Amino acid sequence: MLRYTLMRLGIFAGCLVVVWGLVYSGLAPRGLGDSNGMWVVLLALVISAPISFVVLRKERDRASVRIVERVDRMKANLDANRSQEDVADDASRAQGHAS
């Protein structure tokens, strides 16, 4: 997951540099008034999102498989803990009734 995040940030940073260069060279429009910095960031986000969606498809699939495996493992651990607690509760109840 960290790898995917870093790759996505890298794509955004690359788009930010390219957009910044285009805006300051006059090839792309500037924002209104003092909004130029926000304009550059938003334009970079809009451009980097579809690029990331296409380019990082395999990495995103790998990350989602790892997440699903981790969630399944956590569910199995929770079920095992519940069954251990049930056994302990049953044993304590059986001792309580026997006394």
PDB file of N, CA and C in Angstrom:
ATOM      1  N   MET A   1       0.817  -1.190   0.000  1.00  0.00           N
ATOM      2  CA  MET A   1       0.000   0.000   0.000  1.00  0.00           C
ATOM      3  C   MET A   1       0.864   1.259   0.000  1.00  0.00           C
ATOM      4  N   LEU A   2       1.967   1.210   0.733  1.00  0.00           N
ATOM      5  CA  LEU A   2       2.870   2.359   0.767  1.00  0.00           C
ATOM      6  C   LEU A   2       3.467   2.608  -0.613  1.00  0.00           C
ATOM      7  N   ARG A   3       3.790   1.527  -1.307  1.00  0.00           N
ATOM      8  CA  ARG A   3       4.357   1.665  -2.648  1.00  0.00           C
ATOM      9  C   ARG A   3       3.374   2.353  -3.588  1.00  0.00           C
ATOM     10  N   TYR A   4       2.101   1.933  -3.533  1.00  0.00           N
ATOM     11  CA  TYR A   4       1.072   2.538  -4.367  1.00  0.00           C
ATOM     12  C   TYR A   4       0.921   4.023  -4.044  1.00  0.00           C
ATOM     13  N   THR A   5       0.893   4.345  -2.761  1.00  0.00           N
ATOM     14  CA  THR A   5       0.747   5.738  -2.338  1.00  0.00           C
ATOM     15  C   THR A   5       1.912   6.582  -2.829  1.00  0.00           C
ATOM     16  N   LEU A   6       3.126   6.053  -2.690  1.00  0.00           N
ATOM     17  CA  LEU A   6       4.303   6.797  -3.153  1.00  0.00           C
ATOM     18  C   LEU A   6       4.301   6.978  -4.670  1.00  0.00           C
ATOM     19  N   MET A   7       3.864   5.956  -5.385  1.00  0.00           N
ATOM     20  CA  MET A   7       3.789   6.070  -6.839  1.00  0.00           C
ATOM     21  C   MET A   7       2.742   7.107  -7.245  1.00  0.00           C
ATOM     22  N   ARG A   8       1.635   7.120  -6.534  1.00  0.00           N
ATOM     23  CA  ARG A   8       0.587   8.090  -6.837  1.00  0.00           C
ATOM     24  C   ARG A   8       1.058   9.511  -6.533  1.00  0.00           C
ATOM     25  N   LEU A   9       1.748   9.680  -5.410  1.00  0.00           N
ATOM     26  CA  LEU A   9       2.311  10.998  -5.082  1.00  0.00           C
ATOM     27  C   LEU A   9       3.355  11.424  -6.117  1.00  0.00           C
ATOM     28  N   GLY A  10       4.128  10.473  -6.615  1.00  0.00           N
ATOM     29  CA  GLY A  10       5.117  10.778  -7.649  1.00  0.00           C
ATOM     30  C   GLY A  10       4.469  11.272  -8.929  1.00  0.00           C
ATOM     31  N   ILE A  11       3.385  10.619  -9.319  1.00  0.00           N
ATOM     32  CA  ILE A  11       2.664  11.060 -10.518  1.00  0.00           C
ATOM     33  C   ILE A  11       2.098  12.456 -10.307  1.00  0.00           C
ATOM     34  N   PHE A  12       1.535  12.698  -9.121  1.00  0.00           N
ATOM     35  CA  PHE A  12       0.999  14.030  -8.830  1.00  0.00           C
ATOM     36  C   PHE A  12       2.109  15.077  -8.855  1.00  0.00           C
ATOM     37  N   ALA A  13       3.251  14.765  -8.249  1.00  0.00           N
ATOM     38  CA  ALA A  13       4.369  15.722  -8.224  1.00  0.00           C
ATOM     39  C   ALA A  13       4.850  16.023  -9.638  1.00  0.00           C
ATOM     40  N   GLY A  14       4.935  14.999 -10.478  1.00  0.00           N
ATOM     41  CA  GLY A  14       5.331  15.212 -11.867  1.00  0.00           C
ATOM     42  C   GLY A  14       4.341  16.100 -12.597  1.00  0.00           C
ATOM     43  N   CYS A  15       3.049  15.839 -12.401  1.00  0.00           N
ATOM     44  CA  CYS A  15       2.023  16.676 -13.034  1.00  0.00           C
ATOM     45  C   CYS A  15       2.081  18.098 -12.499  1.00  0.00           C
ATOM     46  N   LEU A  16       2.351  18.247 -11.211  1.00  0.00           N
ATOM     47  CA  LEU A  16       2.438  19.577 -10.612  1.00  0.00           C
ATOM     48  C   LEU A  16       3.568  20.382 -11.246  1.00  0.00           C
ATOM     49  N   VAL A  17       4.714  19.743 -11.439  1.00  0.00           N
ATOM     50  CA  VAL A  17       5.848  20.429 -12.054  1.00  0.00           C
ATOM     51  C   VAL A  17       5.522  20.820 -13.499  1.00  0.00           C
ATOM     52  N   VAL A  18       4.906  19.898 -14.233  1.00  0.00           N
ATOM     53  CA  VAL A  18       4.565  20.182 -15.632  1.00  0.00           C
ATOM     54  C   VAL A  18       3.535  21.302 -15.714  1.00  0.00           C
ATOM     55  N   VAL A  19       2.491  21.239 -14.903  1.00  0.00           N
ATOM     56  CA  VAL A  19       1.460  22.281 -14.927  1.00  0.00           C
ATOM     57  C   VAL A  19       2.051  23.620 -14.510  1.00  0.00           C
ATOM     58  N   TRP A  20       2.862  23.613 -13.473  1.00  0.00           N
ATOM     59  CA  TRP A  20       3.502  24.851 -13.024  1.00  0.00           C
ATOM     60  C   TRP A  20       4.313  25.469 -14.167  1.00  0.00           C
ATOM     61  N   GLY A  21       5.073  24.625 -14.870  1.00  0.00           N
ATOM     62  CA  GLY A  21       5.858  25.115 -15.996  1.00  0.00           C
ATOM     63  C   GLY A  21       4.987  25.673 -17.105  1.00  0.00           C
ATOM     64  N   LEU A  22       3.887  24.986 -17.408  1.00  0.00           N
ATOM     65  CA  LEU A  22       2.985  25.456 -18.462  1.00  0.00           C
ATOM     66  C   LEU A  22       2.301  26.771 -18.090  1.00  0.00           C
ATOM     67  N   VAL A  23       1.898  26.899 -16.829  1.00  0.00           N
ATOM     68  CA  VAL A  23       1.223  28.127 -16.401  1.00  0.00           C
ATOM     69  C   VAL A  23       2.196  29.299 -16.404  1.00  0.00           C
ATOM     70  N   TYR A  24       3.374  29.071 -15.882  1.00  0.00           N
ATOM     71  CA  TYR A  24       4.319  30.184 -15.799  1.00  0.00           C
ATOM     72  C   TYR A  24       4.984  30.523 -17.135  1.00  0.00           C
ATOM     73  N   SER A  25       4.923  29.597 -18.086  1.00  0.00           N
ATOM     74  CA  SER A  25       5.425  29.938 -19.415  1.00  0.00           C
ATOM     75  C   SER A  25       4.342  30.585 -20.282  1.00  0.00           C
ATOM     76  N   GLY A  26       3.104  30.565 -19.785  1.00  0.00           N
ATOM     77  CA  GLY A  26       2.010  31.199 -20.505  1.00  0.00           C
ATOM     78  C   GLY A  26       1.249  30.273 -21.432  1.00  0.00           C
ATOM     79  N   LEU A  27       1.609  28.979 -21.472  1.00  0.00           N
ATOM     80  CA  LEU A  27       0.909  28.028 -22.343  1.00  0.00           C
ATOM     81  C   LEU A  27      -0.420  27.565 -21.755  1.00  0.00           C
ATOM     82  N   ALA A  28      -0.559  27.652 -20.447  1.00  0.00           N
ATOM     83  CA  ALA A  28      -1.827  27.334 -19.788  1.00  0.00           C
ATOM     84  C   ALA A  28      -2.289  28.592 -19.059  1.00  0.00           C
ATOM     85  N   PRO A  29      -3.599  28.771 -18.923  1.00  0.00           N
ATOM     86  CA  PRO A  29      -4.091  30.008 -18.289  1.00  0.00           C
ATOM     87  C   PRO A  29      -3.741  30.089 -16.808  1.00  0.00           C
ATOM     88  N   ARG A  30      -3.537  31.307 -16.342  1.00  0.00           N
ATOM     89  CA  ARG A  30      -3.290  31.545 -14.921  1.00  0.00           C
ATOM     90  C   ARG A  30      -4.625  31.625 -14.193  1.00  0.00           C
ATOM     91  N   GLY A  31      -4.579  31.438 -12.873  1.00  0.00           N
ATOM     92  CA  GLY A  31      -5.781  31.593 -12.065  1.00  0.00           C
ATOM     93  C   GLY A  31      -6.146  33.062 -11.933  1.00  0.00           C
ATOM     94  N   LEU A  32      -7.281  33.320 -11.361  1.00  0.00           N
ATOM     95  CA  LEU A  32      -7.745  34.698 -11.174  1.00  0.00           C
ATOM     96  C   LEU A  32      -7.143  35.290  -9.908  1.00  0.00           C
ATOM     97  N   GLY A  33      -6.586  36.455 -10.001  1.00  0.00           N
ATOM     98  CA  GLY A  33      -6.053  37.155  -8.834  1.00  0.00           C
ATOM     99  C   GLY A  33      -4.950  36.377  -8.133  1.00  0.00           C
ATOM    100  N   ASP A  34      -5.152  36.155  -6.833  1.00  0.00           N
ATOM    101  CA  ASP A  34      -4.161  35.438  -6.032  1.00  0.00           C
ATOM    102  C   ASP A  34      -4.384  33.928  -6.020  1.00  0.00           C
ATOM    103  N   SER A  35      -5.270  33.418  -6.842  1.00  0.00           N
ATOM    104  CA  SER A  35      -5.600  31.996  -6.826  1.00  0.00           C
ATOM    105  C   SER A  35      -4.696  31.152  -7.718  1.00  0.00           C
ATOM    106  N   ASN A  36      -3.617  31.699  -8.196  1.00  0.00           N
ATOM    107  CA  ASN A  36      -2.774  30.978  -9.142  1.00  0.00           C
ATOM    108  C   ASN A  36      -2.209  29.682  -8.553  1.00  0.00           C
ATOM    109  N   GLY A  37      -1.745  29.725  -7.296  1.00  0.00           N
ATOM    110  CA  GLY A  37      -1.200  28.515  -6.670  1.00  0.00           C
ATOM    111  C   GLY A  37      -2.241  27.423  -6.548  1.00  0.00           C
ATOM    112  N   MET A  38      -3.438  27.809  -6.131  1.00  0.00           N
ATOM    113  CA  MET A  38      -4.531  26.841  -6.011  1.00  0.00           C
ATOM    114  C   MET A  38      -4.917  26.299  -7.381  1.00  0.00           C
ATOM    115  N   TRP A  39      -4.911  27.140  -8.386  1.00  0.00           N
ATOM    116  CA  TRP A  39      -5.223  26.724  -9.753  1.00  0.00           C
ATOM    117  C   TRP A  39      -4.231  25.664 -10.229  1.00  0.00           C
ATOM    118  N   VAL A  40      -2.966  25.898  -9.990  1.00  0.00           N
ATOM    119  CA  VAL A  40      -1.932  24.940 -10.416  1.00  0.00           C
ATOM    120  C   VAL A  40      -2.130  23.599  -9.721  1.00  0.00           C
ATOM    121  N   VAL A  41      -2.393  23.618  -8.416  1.00  0.00           N
ATOM    122  CA  VAL A  41      -2.586  22.375  -7.660  1.00  0.00           C
ATOM    123  C   VAL A  41      -3.832  21.631  -8.147  1.00  0.00           C
ATOM    124  N   LEU A  42      -4.933  22.343  -8.315  1.00  0.00           N
ATOM    125  CA  LEU A  42      -6.162  21.693  -8.778  1.00  0.00           C
ATOM    126  C   LEU A  42      -6.014  21.121 -10.180  1.00  0.00           C
ATOM    127  N   LEU A  43      -5.373  21.863 -11.057  1.00  0.00           N
ATOM    128  CA  LEU A  43      -5.156  21.364 -12.416  1.00  0.00           C
ATOM    129  C   LEU A  43      -4.268  20.120 -12.400  1.00  0.00           C
ATOM    130  N   ALA A  44      -3.247  20.131 -11.559  1.00  0.00           N
ATOM    131  CA  ALA A  44      -2.378  18.953 -11.435  1.00  0.00           C
ATOM    132  C   ALA A  44      -3.151  17.753 -10.893  1.00  0.00           C
ATOM    133  N   LEU A  45      -4.049  17.984  -9.929  1.00  0.00           N
ATOM    134  CA  LEU A  45      -4.882  16.890  -9.401  1.00  0.00           C
ATOM    135  C   LEU A  45      -5.786  16.308 -10.479  1.00  0.00           C
ATOM    136  N   VAL A  46      -6.405  17.195 -11.250  1.00  0.00           N
ATOM    137  CA  VAL A  46      -7.326  16.743 -12.299  1.00  0.00           C
ATOM    138  C   VAL A  46      -6.579  15.950 -13.373  1.00  0.00           C
ATOM    139  N   ILE A  47      -5.370  16.335 -13.681  1.00  0.00           N
ATOM    140  CA  ILE A  47      -4.591  15.638 -14.708  1.00  0.00           C
ATOM    141  C   ILE A  47      -4.008  14.332 -14.163  1.00  0.00           C
ATOM    142  N   SER A  48      -3.543  14.347 -12.913  1.00  0.00           N
ATOM    143  CA  SER A  48      -2.880  13.158 -12.369  1.00  0.00           C
ATOM    144  C   SER A  48      -3.852  12.033 -12.027  1.00  0.00           C
ATOM    145  N   ALA A  49      -5.115  12.349 -11.724  1.00  0.00           N
ATOM    146  CA  ALA A  49      -6.076  11.303 -11.343  1.00  0.00           C
ATOM    147  C   ALA A  49      -6.289  10.262 -12.447  1.00  0.00           C
ATOM    148  N   PRO A  50      -6.627  10.649 -13.680  1.00  0.00           N
ATOM    149  CA  PRO A  50      -6.812   9.616 -14.702  1.00  0.00           C
ATOM    150  C   PRO A  50      -5.502   8.920 -15.090  1.00  0.00           C
ATOM    151  N   ILE A  51      -4.397   9.654 -15.019  1.00  0.00           N
ATOM    152  CA  ILE A  51      -3.102   9.011 -15.311  1.00  0.00           C
ATOM    153  C   ILE A  51      -2.836   7.923 -14.283  1.00  0.00           C
ATOM    154  N   SER A  52      -3.037   8.230 -13.006  1.00  0.00           N
ATOM    155  CA  SER A  52      -2.836   7.241 -11.942  1.00  0.00           C
ATOM    156  C   SER A  52      -3.789   6.067 -12.103  1.00  0.00           C
ATOM    157  N   PHE A  53      -5.018   6.350 -12.468  1.00  0.00           N
ATOM    158  CA  PHE A  53      -6.015   5.295 -12.635  1.00  0.00           C
ATOM    159  C   PHE A  53      -5.572   4.283 -13.688  1.00  0.00           C
ATOM    160  N   VAL A  54      -5.020   4.756 -14.780  1.00  0.00           N
ATOM    161  CA  VAL A  54      -4.606   3.867 -15.871  1.00  0.00           C
ATOM    162  C   VAL A  54      -3.246   3.238 -15.597  1.00  0.00           C
ATOM    163  N   VAL A  55      -2.280   4.056 -15.204  1.00  0.00           N
ATOM    164  CA  VAL A  55      -0.900   3.582 -15.068  1.00  0.00           C
ATOM    165  C   VAL A  55      -0.725   2.656 -13.862  1.00  0.00           C
ATOM    166  N   LEU A  56      -1.431   2.924 -12.784  1.00  0.00           N
ATOM    167  CA  LEU A  56      -1.228   2.166 -11.544  1.00  0.00           C
ATOM    168  C   LEU A  56      -2.263   1.071 -11.335  1.00  0.00           C
ATOM    169  N   ARG A  57      -2.933   0.645 -12.370  1.00  0.00           N
ATOM    170  CA  ARG A  57      -3.981  -0.374 -12.234  1.00  0.00           C
ATOM    171  C   ARG A  57      -3.450  -1.659 -11.603  1.00  0.00           C
ATOM    172  N   LYS A  58      -2.323  -2.172 -12.096  1.00  0.00           N
ATOM    173  CA  LYS A  58      -1.777  -3.425 -11.550  1.00  0.00           C
ATOM    174  C   LYS A  58      -1.349  -3.258 -10.097  1.00  0.00           C
ATOM    175  N   GLU A  59      -0.718  -2.154  -9.789  1.00  0.00           N
ATOM    176  CA  GLU A  59      -0.280  -1.914  -8.407  1.00  0.00           C
ATOM    177  C   GLU A  59      -1.482  -1.765  -7.476  1.00  0.00           C
ATOM    178  N   ARG A  60      -2.540  -1.128  -7.937  1.00  0.00           N
ATOM    179  CA  ARG A  60      -3.753  -0.968  -7.139  1.00  0.00           C
ATOM    180  C   ARG A  60      -4.400  -2.328  -6.885  1.00  0.00           C
ATOM    181  N   ASP A  61      -4.408  -3.190  -7.897  1.00  0.00           N
ATOM    182  CA  ASP A  61      -4.961  -4.539  -7.725  1.00  0.00           C
ATOM    183  C   ASP A  61      -4.144  -5.334  -6.710  1.00  0.00           C
ATOM    184  N   ARG A  62      -2.813  -5.223  -6.786  1.00  0.00           N
ATOM    185  CA  ARG A  62      -1.957  -5.923  -5.805  1.00  0.00           C
ATOM    186  C   ARG A  62      -2.214  -5.411  -4.392  1.00  0.00           C
ATOM    187  N   ALA A  63      -2.352  -4.116  -4.256  1.00  0.00           N
ATOM    188  CA  ALA A  63      -2.596  -3.532  -2.935  1.00  0.00           C
ATOM    189  C   ALA A  63      -3.950  -3.988  -2.395  1.00  0.00           C
ATOM    190  N   SER A  64      -4.960  -4.049  -3.247  1.00  0.00           N
ATOM    191  CA  SER A  64      -6.278  -4.475  -2.768  1.00  0.00           C
ATOM    192  C   SER A  64      -6.270  -5.947  -2.368  1.00  0.00           C
ATOM    193  N   VAL A  65      -5.510  -6.783  -3.075  1.00  0.00           N
ATOM    194  CA  VAL A  65      -5.395  -8.197  -2.685  1.00  0.00           C
ATOM    195  C   VAL A  65      -4.747  -8.305  -1.307  1.00  0.00           C
ATOM    196  N   ARG A  66      -3.697  -7.518  -1.068  1.00  0.00           N
ATOM    197  CA  ARG A  66      -3.050  -7.535   0.248  1.00  0.00           C
ATOM    198  C   ARG A  66      -4.002  -7.074   1.346  1.00  0.00           C
ATOM    199  N   ILE A  67      -4.796  -6.074   1.054  1.00  0.00           N
ATOM    200  CA  ILE A  67      -5.746  -5.575   2.050  1.00  0.00           C
ATOM    201  C   ILE A  67      -6.798  -6.630   2.358  1.00  0.00           C
ATOM    202  N   VAL A  68      -7.312  -7.295   1.334  1.00  0.00           N
ATOM    203  CA  VAL A  68      -8.314  -8.342   1.537  1.00  0.00           C
ATOM    204  C   VAL A  68      -7.718  -9.484   2.360  1.00  0.00           C
ATOM    205  N   GLU A  69      -6.479  -9.874   2.061  1.00  0.00           N
ATOM    206  CA  GLU A  69      -5.829 -10.936   2.829  1.00  0.00           C
ATOM    207  C   GLU A  69      -5.672 -10.522   4.295  1.00  0.00           C
ATOM    208  N   ARG A  70      -5.287  -9.286   4.525  1.00  0.00           N
ATOM    209  CA  ARG A  70      -5.107  -8.788   5.893  1.00  0.00           C
ATOM    210  C   ARG A  70      -6.438  -8.772   6.649  1.00  0.00           C
ATOM    211  N   VAL A  71      -7.506  -8.335   5.982  1.00  0.00           N
ATOM    212  CA  VAL A  71      -8.824  -8.309   6.615  1.00  0.00           C
ATOM    213  C   VAL A  71      -9.297  -9.727   6.924  1.00  0.00           C
ATOM    214  N   ASP A  72      -9.081 -10.647   5.990  1.00  0.00           N
ATOM    215  CA  ASP A  72      -9.473 -12.039   6.228  1.00  0.00           C
ATOM    216  C   ASP A  72      -8.710 -12.629   7.412  1.00  0.00           C
ATOM    217  N   ARG A  73      -7.424 -12.304   7.501  1.00  0.00           N
ATOM    218  CA  ARG A  73      -6.614 -12.788   8.623  1.00  0.00           C
ATOM    219  C   ARG A  73      -7.127 -12.227   9.947  1.00  0.00           C
ATOM    220  N   MET A  74      -7.480 -10.949   9.946  1.00  0.00           N
ATOM    221  CA  MET A  74      -8.000 -10.323  11.170  1.00  0.00           C
ATOM    222  C   MET A  74      -9.340 -10.938  11.566  1.00  0.00           C
ATOM    223  N   LYS A  75     -10.201 -11.223  10.590  1.00  0.00           N
ATOM    224  CA  LYS A  75     -11.479 -11.860  10.888  1.00  0.00           C
ATOM    225  C   LYS A  75     -11.266 -13.244  11.482  1.00  0.00           C
ATOM    226  N   ALA A  76     -10.314 -13.994  10.929  1.00  0.00           N
ATOM    227  CA  ALA A  76     -10.029 -15.332  11.451  1.00  0.00           C
ATOM    228  C   ALA A  76      -9.515 -15.238  12.884  1.00  0.00           C
ATOM    229  N   ASN A  77      -8.652 -14.261  13.158  1.00  0.00           N
ATOM    230  CA  ASN A  77      -8.146 -14.080  14.524  1.00  0.00           C
ATOM    231  C   ASN A  77      -9.271 -13.712  15.484  1.00  0.00           C
ATOM    232  N   LEU A  78     -10.173 -12.837  15.056  1.00  0.00           N
ATOM    233  CA  LEU A  78     -11.312 -12.462  15.902  1.00  0.00           C
ATOM    234  C   LEU A  78     -12.210 -13.658  16.185  1.00  0.00           C
ATOM    235  N   ASP A  79     -12.466 -14.471  15.158  1.00  0.00           N
ATOM    236  CA  ASP A  79     -13.289 -15.666  15.356  1.00  0.00           C
ATOM    237  C   ASP A  79     -12.621 -16.638  16.317  1.00  0.00           C
ATOM    238  N   ALA A  80     -11.297 -16.788  16.187  1.00  0.00           N
ATOM    239  CA  ALA A  80     -10.572 -17.681  17.098  1.00  0.00           C
ATOM    240  C   ALA A  80     -10.641 -17.151  18.526  1.00  0.00           C
ATOM    241  N   ASN A  81     -10.496 -15.863  18.703  1.00  0.00           N
ATOM    242  CA  ASN A  81     -10.586 -15.278  20.044  1.00  0.00           C
ATOM    243  C   ASN A  81     -11.983 -15.429  20.626  1.00  0.00           C
ATOM    244  N   ARG A  82     -12.992 -15.240  19.801  1.00  0.00           N
ATOM    245  CA  ARG A  82     -14.373 -15.417  20.283  1.00  0.00           C
ATOM    246  C   ARG A  82     -14.623 -16.838  20.744  1.00  0.00           C
ATOM    247  N   SER A  83     -14.141 -17.805  19.960  1.00  0.00           N
ATOM    248  CA  SER A  83     -14.367 -19.200  20.339  1.00  0.00           C
ATOM    249  C   SER A  83     -13.615 -19.532  21.621  1.00  0.00           C
ATOM    250  N   GLN A  84     -12.424 -18.967  21.829  1.00  0.00           N
ATOM    251  CA  GLN A  84     -11.692 -19.183  23.077  1.00  0.00           C
ATOM    252  C   GLN A  84     -12.446 -18.566  24.246  1.00  0.00           C
ATOM    253  N   GLU A  85     -13.019 -17.387  24.044  1.00  0.00           N
ATOM    254  CA  GLU A  85     -13.795 -16.747  25.105  1.00  0.00           C
ATOM    255  C   GLU A  85     -15.052 -17.553  25.420  1.00  0.00           C
ATOM    256  N   ASP A  86     -15.695 -18.093  24.390  1.00  0.00           N
ATOM    257  CA  ASP A  86     -16.889 -18.907  24.617  1.00  0.00           C
ATOM    258  C   ASP A  86     -16.558 -20.152  25.427  1.00  0.00           C
ATOM    259  N   VAL A  87     -15.451 -20.793  25.118  1.00  0.00           N
ATOM    260  CA  VAL A  87     -15.026 -21.983  25.855  1.00  0.00           C
ATOM    261  C   VAL A  87     -14.738 -21.618  27.309  1.00  0.00           C
ATOM    262  N   ALA A  88     -14.062 -20.490  27.522  1.00  0.00           N
ATOM    263  CA  ALA A  88     -13.746 -20.059  28.888  1.00  0.00           C
ATOM    264  C   ALA A  88     -15.024 -19.717  29.651  1.00  0.00           C
ATOM    265  N   ASP A  89     -15.971 -19.053  29.000  1.00  0.00           N
ATOM    266  CA  ASP A  89     -17.243 -18.729  29.646  1.00  0.00           C
ATOM    267  C   ASP A  89     -18.015 -19.987  30.005  1.00  0.00           C
ATOM    268  N   ASP A  90     -18.059 -20.941  29.072  1.00  0.00           N
ATOM    269  CA  ASP A  90     -18.766 -22.194  29.333  1.00  0.00           C
ATOM    270  C   ASP A  90     -18.133 -22.941  30.494  1.00  0.00           C
ATOM    271  N   ALA A  91     -16.802 -22.943  30.541  1.00  0.00           N
ATOM    272  CA  ALA A  91     -16.103 -23.643  31.627  1.00  0.00           C
ATOM    273  C   ALA A  91     -16.370 -22.968  32.970  1.00  0.00           C
ATOM    274  N   SER A  92     -16.388 -21.652  33.002  1.00  0.00           N
ATOM    275  CA  SER A  92     -16.620 -20.954  34.273  1.00  0.00           C
ATOM    276  C   SER A  92     -18.075 -21.124  34.719  1.00  0.00           C
ATOM    277  N   ARG A  93     -18.996 -21.157  33.778  1.00  0.00           N
ATOM    278  CA  ARG A  93     -20.385 -21.373  34.128  1.00  0.00           C
ATOM    279  C   ARG A  93     -20.591 -22.801  34.669  1.00  0.00           C
ATOM    280  N   ALA A  94     -19.923 -23.747  34.029  1.00  0.00           N
ATOM    281  CA  ALA A  94     -20.045 -25.147  34.489  1.00  0.00           C
ATOM    282  C   ALA A  94     -19.492 -25.282  35.903  1.00  0.00           C
ATOM    283  N   GLN A  95     -18.406 -24.603  36.217  1.00  0.00           N
ATOM    284  CA  GLN A  95     -17.839 -24.659  37.571  1.00  0.00           C
ATOM    285  C   GLN A  95     -18.751 -23.939  38.547  1.00  0.00           C
ATOM    286  N   GLY A  96     -19.370 -22.851  38.106  1.00  0.00           N
ATOM    287  CA  GLY A  96     -20.270 -22.091  38.969  1.00  0.00           C
ATOM    288  C   GLY A  96     -21.497 -22.889  39.346  1.00  0.00           C
ATOM    289  N   HIS A  97     -22.045 -23.679  38.447  1.00  0.00           N
ATOM    290  CA  HIS A  97     -23.218 -24.501  38.737  1.00  0.00           C
ATOM    291  C   HIS A  97     -22.869 -25.727  39.550  1.00  0.00           C
ATOM    292  N   ALA A  98     -21.640 -26.232  39.397  1.00  0.00           N
ATOM    293  CA  ALA A  98     -21.227 -27.425  40.135  1.00  0.00           C
ATOM    294  C   ALA A  98     -21.001 -27.125  41.601  1.00  0.00           C
ATOM    295  N   SER A  99     -20.671 -25.906  41.962  1.00  0.00           N
ATOM    296  CA  SER A  99     -20.359 -25.564  43.367  1.00  0.00           C
ATOM    297  C   SER A  99     -21.555 -25.629  44.225  1.00  0.00           C
TER     298      SER A  99
END
